[in-house]
C-alpha atoms as a PDB file:
ATOM      1  CA  UNK A   1       0.129   0.103   0.124  1.00  0.00           C
ATOM      2  CA  UNK A   2       3.141   2.200   0.844  1.00  0.00           C
ATOM      3  CA  UNK A   3       4.322   1.516  -2.740  1.00  0.00           C
ATOM      4  CA  UNK A   4       0.637   2.809  -4.493  1.00  0.00           C
ATOM      5  CA  UNK A   5       0.615   5.596  -2.524  1.00  0.00           C
ATOM      6  CA  UNK A   6       4.307   7.124  -3.151  1.00  0.00           C
ATOM      7  CA  UNK A   7       3.265   6.663  -6.922  1.00  0.00           C
ATOM      8  CA  UNK A   8       0.055   8.657  -6.479  1.00  0.00           C
ATOM      9  CA  UNK A   9       2.099  11.589  -4.373  1.00  0.00           C
ATOM     10  CA  UNK A  10       4.916  11.676  -7.359  1.00  0.00           C
ATOM     11  CA  UNK A  11       1.596  11.281 -10.172  1.00  0.00           C
ATOM     12  CA  UNK A  12       0.084  14.473  -8.498  1.00  0.00           C
ATOM     13  CA  UNK A  13       3.094  16.454  -8.076  1.00  0.00           C
ATOM     14  CA  UNK A  14       4.385  15.905 -11.800  1.00  0.00           C
ATOM     15  CA  UNK A  15       0.937  16.720 -12.777  1.00  0.00           C
ATOM     16  CA  UNK A  16       0.964  19.947 -10.646  1.00  0.00           C
ATOM     17  CA  UNK A  17       4.069  20.799 -11.738  1.00  0.00           C
ATOM     18  CA  UNK A  18       3.038  20.364 -15.530  1.00  0.00           C
ATOM     19  CA  UNK A  19      -0.247  22.518 -15.164  1.00  0.00           C
ATOM     20  CA  UNK A  20       1.643  25.237 -13.465  1.00  0.00           C
ATOM     21  CA  UNK A  21       4.000  25.573 -16.037  1.00  0.00           C
ATOM     22  CA  UNK A  22       1.217  25.856 -18.747  1.00  0.00           C
ATOM     23  CA  UNK A  23      -0.325  28.539 -16.524  1.00  0.00           C
ATOM     24  CA  UNK A  24       2.847  30.571 -16.392  1.00  0.00           C
ATOM     25  CA  UNK A  25       3.808  30.180 -19.992  1.00  0.00           C
ATOM     26  CA  UNK A  26       4.463  33.384 -21.930  1.00  0.00           C
ATOM     27  CA  UNK A  27       1.548  34.022 -24.338  1.00  0.00           C
ATOM     28  CA  UNK A  28       2.842  35.409 -27.759  1.00  0.00           C
ATOM     29  CA  UNK A  29       2.645  39.033 -28.695  1.00  0.00           C
ATOM     30  CA  UNK A  30      -0.135  39.872 -30.505  1.00  0.00           C
ATOM     31  CA  UNK A  31       0.423  41.440 -33.880  1.00  0.00           C
ATOM     32  CA  UNK A  32      -1.009  45.278 -34.365  1.00  0.00           C
ATOM     33  CA  UNK A  33      -1.540  47.027 -37.517  1.00  0.00           C
ATOM     34  CA  UNK A  34       0.558  50.042 -37.012  1.00  0.00           C
ATOM     35  CA  UNK A  35      -0.238  51.138 -40.799  1.00  0.00           C
ATOM     36  CA  UNK A  36      -3.860  52.142 -39.354  1.00  0.00           C
ATOM     37  CA  UNK A  37      -2.835  54.167 -36.245  1.00  0.00           C
ATOM     38  CA  UNK A  38      -3.789  57.841 -36.555  1.00  0.00           C
ATOM     39  CA  UNK A  39      -1.096  60.150 -36.125  1.00  0.00           C
ATOM     40  CA  UNK A  40      -3.493  62.819 -34.831  1.00  0.00           C
ATOM     41  CA  UNK A  41      -5.844  62.112 -32.257  1.00  0.00           C
ATOM     42  CA  UNK A  42      -8.551  64.542 -30.492  1.00  0.00           C
ATOM     43  CA  UNK A  43      -7.901  64.629 -26.708  1.00  0.00           C
ATOM     44  CA  UNK A  44     -11.522  66.450 -25.422  1.00  0.00           C
ATOM     45  CA  UNK A  45     -10.777  69.444 -27.712  1.00  0.00           C
ATOM     46  CA  UNK A  46      -7.107  69.940 -28.109  1.00  0.00           C
ATOM     47  CA  UNK A  47      -5.112  68.141 -30.874  1.00  0.00           C
ATOM     48  CA  UNK A  48      -2.110  66.516 -30.359  1.00  0.00           C
ATOM     49  CA  UNK A  49       0.161  64.667 -32.681  1.00  0.00           C
ATOM     50  CA  UNK A  50       3.249  63.069 -33.240  1.00  0.00           C
ATOM     51  CA  UNK A  51       5.463  66.046 -35.276  1.00  0.00           C
ATOM     52  CA  UNK A  52       8.916  64.904 -35.192  1.00  0.00           C
ATOM     53  CA  UNK A  53      11.177  61.693 -35.911  1.00  0.00           C
ATOM     54  CA  UNK A  54      14.542  60.383 -35.310  1.00  0.00           C
ATOM     55  CA  UNK A  55      16.330  58.849 -38.612  1.00  0.00           C
ATOM     56  CA  UNK A  56      18.954  56.623 -37.532  1.00  0.00           C
ATOM     57  CA  UNK A  57      20.388  54.588 -40.858  1.00  0.00           C
ATOM     58  CA  UNK A  58      17.497  55.588 -42.957  1.00  0.00           C
ATOM     59  CA  UNK A  59      15.147  54.345 -40.109  1.00  0.00           C
ATOM     60  CA  UNK A  60      12.431  56.676 -38.874  1.00  0.00           C
ATOM     61  CA  UNK A  61      11.743  56.448 -35.640  1.00  0.00           C
ATOM     62  CA  UNK A  62       8.594  58.428 -34.190  1.00  0.00           C
ATOM     63  CA  UNK A  63       9.163  60.984 -31.060  1.00  0.00           C
ATOM     64  CA  UNK A  64       6.547  61.298 -28.410  1.00  0.00           C
ATOM     65  CA  UNK A  65       3.412  63.028 -29.106  1.00  0.00           C
ATOM     66  CA  UNK A  66       3.187  66.821 -28.358  1.00  0.00           C
ATOM     67  CA  UNK A  67       0.354  69.293 -28.109  1.00  0.00           C
ATOM     68  CA  UNK A  68       0.145  71.150 -31.143  1.00  0.00           C
ATOM     69  CA  UNK A  69       0.021  74.445 -28.972  1.00  0.00           C
ATOM     70  CA  UNK A  70       1.326  74.137 -25.794  1.00  0.00           C
ATOM     71  CA  UNK A  71       0.123  77.638 -24.219  1.00  0.00           C
ATOM     72  CA  UNK A  72      -3.561  76.945 -25.509  1.00  0.00           C
ATOM     73  CA  UNK A  73      -3.478  73.337 -24.049  1.00  0.00           C
ATOM     74  CA  UNK A  74      -2.867  75.046 -20.353  1.00  0.00           C
ATOM     75  CA  UNK A  75      -5.637  77.220 -21.286  1.00  0.00           C
ATOM     76  CA  UNK A  76      -8.013  74.478 -22.178  1.00  0.00           C
ATOM     77  CA  UNK A  77      -6.998  72.409 -19.173  1.00  0.00           C
ATOM     78  CA  UNK A  78      -7.816  75.251 -16.710  1.00  0.00           C
ATOM     79  CA  UNK A  79     -10.912  75.696 -18.110  1.00  0.00           C
ATOM     80  CA  UNK A  80     -11.713  71.207 -18.335  1.00  0.00           C
ATOM     81  CA  UNK A  81     -10.668  71.089 -14.731  1.00  0.00           C
ATOM     82  CA  UNK A  82     -10.889  74.043 -12.488  1.00  0.00           C
ATOM     83  CA  UNK A  83     -12.046  72.027  -9.414  1.00  0.00           C
ATOM     84  CA  UNK A  84      -9.269  69.540  -9.420  1.00  0.00           C
ATOM     85  CA  UNK A  85      -6.611  72.430  -9.957  1.00  0.00           C
ATOM     86  CA  UNK A  86      -8.176  74.602  -6.965  1.00  0.00           C
ATOM     87  CA  UNK A  87      -7.895  71.302  -5.068  1.00  0.00           C
ATOM     88  CA  UNK A  88      -4.244  71.084  -5.878  1.00  0.00           C
ATOM     89  CA  UNK A  89      -3.625  74.781  -5.022  1.00  0.00           C
ATOM     90  CA  UNK A  90      -5.814  74.483  -1.682  1.00  0.00           C
ATOM     91  CA  UNK A  91      -3.210  71.349  -0.816  1.00  0.00           C
ATOM     92  CA  UNK A  92      -0.256  73.214  -2.159  1.00  0.00           C
ATOM     93  CA  UNK A  93       0.272  76.933  -1.156  1.00  0.00           C
ATOM     94  CA  UNK A  94       3.129  77.275  -3.274  1.00  0.00           C
ATOM     95  CA  UNK A  95       1.786  76.281  -6.541  1.00  0.00           C
ATOM     96  CA  UNK A  96       0.043  79.634  -7.956  1.00  0.00           C
ATOM     97  CA  UNK A  97      -1.308  79.582 -11.425  1.00  0.00           C
ATOM     98  CA  UNK A  98      -0.962  76.487 -13.865  1.00  0.00           C
ATOM     99  CA  UNK A  99       1.513  77.717 -16.097  1.00  0.00           C
ATOM    100  CA  UNK A 100       4.416  76.471 -18.154  1.00  0.00           C
ATOM    101  CA  UNK A 101       6.848  77.350 -15.821  1.00  0.00           C
ATOM    102  CA  UNK A 102       4.997  75.268 -12.695  1.00  0.00           C
ATOM    103  CA  UNK A 103       3.334  72.500 -14.365  1.00  0.00           C
ATOM    104  CA  UNK A 104       5.890  69.767 -13.006  1.00  0.00           C
ATOM    105  CA  UNK A 105       4.880  70.746  -9.365  1.00  0.00           C
ATOM    106  CA  UNK A 106       1.146  70.452 -10.095  1.00  0.00           C
ATOM    107  CA  UNK A 107       1.741  67.180 -11.782  1.00  0.00           C
ATOM    108  CA  UNK A 108       3.725  66.107  -8.852  1.00  0.00           C
ATOM    109  CA  UNK A 109       1.170  67.191  -6.422  1.00  0.00           C
ATOM    110  CA  UNK A 110      -1.653  65.288  -8.606  1.00  0.00           C
ATOM    111  CA  UNK A 111       0.412  62.226  -8.325  1.00  0.00           C
ATOM    112  CA  UNK A 112       0.842  62.550  -4.395  1.00  0.00           C
ATOM    113  CA  UNK A 113      -3.103  62.634  -4.171  1.00  0.00           C
ATOM    114  CA  UNK A 114      -5.033  59.191  -4.023  1.00  0.00           C
ATOM    115  CA  UNK A 115      -8.573  60.549  -5.568  1.00  0.00           C
ATOM    116  CA  UNK A 116      -8.581  58.043  -8.473  1.00  0.00           C
ATOM    117  CA  UNK A 117     -11.867  58.170  -8.823  1.00  0.00           C
ATOM    118  CA  UNK A 118     -12.343  61.965 -10.212  1.00  0.00           C
ATOM    119  CA  UNK A 119     -12.840  62.790 -13.653  1.00  0.00           C
ATOM    120  CA  UNK A 120     -11.161  65.857 -13.717  1.00  0.00           C
ATOM    121  CA  UNK A 121      -8.445  64.687 -12.034  1.00  0.00           C
ATOM    122  CA  UNK A 122      -7.878  61.881 -14.883  1.00  0.00           C
ATOM    123  CA  UNK A 123      -8.357  64.630 -17.423  1.00  0.00           C
ATOM    124  CA  UNK A 124      -5.531  66.716 -15.409  1.00  0.00           C
ATOM    125  CA  UNK A 125      -2.924  63.461 -15.461  1.00  0.00           C
ATOM    126  CA  UNK A 126      -3.738  62.716 -19.271  1.00  0.00           C
ATOM    127  CA  UNK A 127      -2.730  66.446 -19.985  1.00  0.00           C
ATOM    128  CA  UNK A 128       0.240  65.961 -17.957  1.00  0.00           C
ATOM    129  CA  UNK A 129       1.325  62.608 -20.001  1.00  0.00           C
ATOM    130  CA  UNK A 130       1.258  64.679 -23.159  1.00  0.00           C
ATOM    131  CA  UNK A 131       2.553  68.000 -21.925  1.00  0.00           C
ATOM    132  CA  UNK A 132       5.643  66.357 -20.594  1.00  0.00           C
ATOM    133  CA  UNK A 133       6.408  64.794 -24.126  1.00  0.00           C
ATOM    134  CA  UNK A 134       8.371  67.581 -25.392  1.00  0.00           C
ATOM    135  CA  UNK A 135      10.774  67.246 -22.320  1.00  0.00           C
ATOM    136  CA  UNK A 136      11.327  63.859 -23.375  1.00  0.00           C
ATOM    137  CA  UNK A 137      11.684  64.859 -27.086  1.00  0.00           C
ATOM    138  CA  UNK A 138      14.199  67.352 -26.113  1.00  0.00           C
ATOM    139  CA  UNK A 139      16.356  64.779 -23.942  1.00  0.00           C
ATOM    140  CA  UNK A 140      16.259  62.192 -27.474  1.00  0.00           C
ATOM    141  CA  UNK A 141      17.515  64.592 -29.659  1.00  0.00           C
ATOM    142  CA  UNK A 142      20.351  65.690 -26.996  1.00  0.00           C
ATOM    143  CA  UNK A 143      21.008  61.764 -27.007  1.00  0.00           C
ATOM    144  CA  UNK A 144      21.044  61.541 -30.482  1.00  0.00           C
ATOM    145  CA  UNK A 145      23.401  64.470 -31.007  1.00  0.00           C
ATOM    146  CA  UNK A 146      25.900  62.845 -28.289  1.00  0.00           C
ATOM    147  CA  UNK A 147      25.434  59.745 -30.498  1.00  0.00           C
ATOM    148  CA  UNK A 148      26.605  61.690 -33.915  1.00  0.00           C
ATOM    149  CA  UNK A 149      29.434  63.102 -32.020  1.00  0.00           C
ATOM    150  CA  UNK A 150      30.733  60.115 -29.755  1.00  0.00           C
ATOM    151  CA  UNK A 151      33.620  58.396 -30.093  1.00  0.00           C
ATOM    152  CA  UNK A 152      33.587  55.004 -31.347  1.00  0.00           C
ATOM    153  CA  UNK A 153      34.340  53.105 -27.819  1.00  0.00           C
ATOM    154  CA  UNK A 154      31.367  55.186 -26.480  1.00  0.00           C
ATOM    155  CA  UNK A 155      28.887  54.658 -29.435  1.00  0.00           C
ATOM    156  CA  UNK A 156      27.481  51.447 -28.544  1.00  0.00           C
ATOM    157  CA  UNK A 157      26.657  52.877 -25.066  1.00  0.00           C
ATOM    158  CA  UNK A 158      25.258  55.926 -26.289  1.00  0.00           C
ATOM    159  CA  UNK A 159      22.721  53.983 -28.810  1.00  0.00           C
ATOM    160  CA  UNK A 160      21.696  51.898 -26.084  1.00  0.00           C
ATOM    161  CA  UNK A 161      20.825  54.812 -24.307  1.00  0.00           C
ATOM    162  CA  UNK A 162      19.149  56.561 -27.025  1.00  0.00           C
ATOM    163  CA  UNK A 163      16.878  53.442 -27.996  1.00  0.00           C
ATOM    164  CA  UNK A 164      15.636  52.780 -24.447  1.00  0.00           C
ATOM    165  CA  UNK A 165      14.574  56.675 -24.370  1.00  0.00           C
ATOM    166  CA  UNK A 166      12.239  56.534 -27.456  1.00  0.00           C
ATOM    167  CA  UNK A 167       8.946  55.542 -27.133  1.00  0.00           C
ATOM    168  CA  UNK A 168       8.215  51.791 -27.280  1.00  0.00           C
ATOM    169  CA  UNK A 169       6.153  52.540 -30.430  1.00  0.00           C
ATOM    170  CA  UNK A 170       8.182  53.739 -32.227  1.00  0.00           C
ATOM    171  CA  UNK A 171      10.672  50.655 -32.305  1.00  0.00           C
ATOM    172  CA  UNK A 172       7.844  48.097 -32.685  1.00  0.00           C
ATOM    173  CA  UNK A 173       7.322  49.208 -36.420  1.00  0.00           C
END
């Protein structure tokens, strides 16, 4: 009887390991049709677009999407999210009026709040997500300039840093 019990336990362990391995397998990435992805999308009533790309050895890599008119985007978000902005100003006396000079402090204050069920807060977070892309694009251009001027022994490292900074959608093409 002990012999059969041992074999049953071994069989259960083998089946259990096989089921666990099957459940934890990596699913293949689904293929996306990048040709039909729009380059201009309407966010509320403020358009944004991918206006720039980086060309490396003839291969084009899109940069991050940015607002077409950043000043108008700030004015628009002030109109759309007055309650959320007022709440953030109440929480910090140093914020002042939302502007190009202090939007990072607003973004950080918003991230520190835990009000995840607020439509204006979500709209404000989406605004900051696009607004910060201009800084990301400037950093990518700076990395590209560093790559073109780097010595041969540093080129691989510079290229890796540049590719890591690009939007993942640009590399998936």
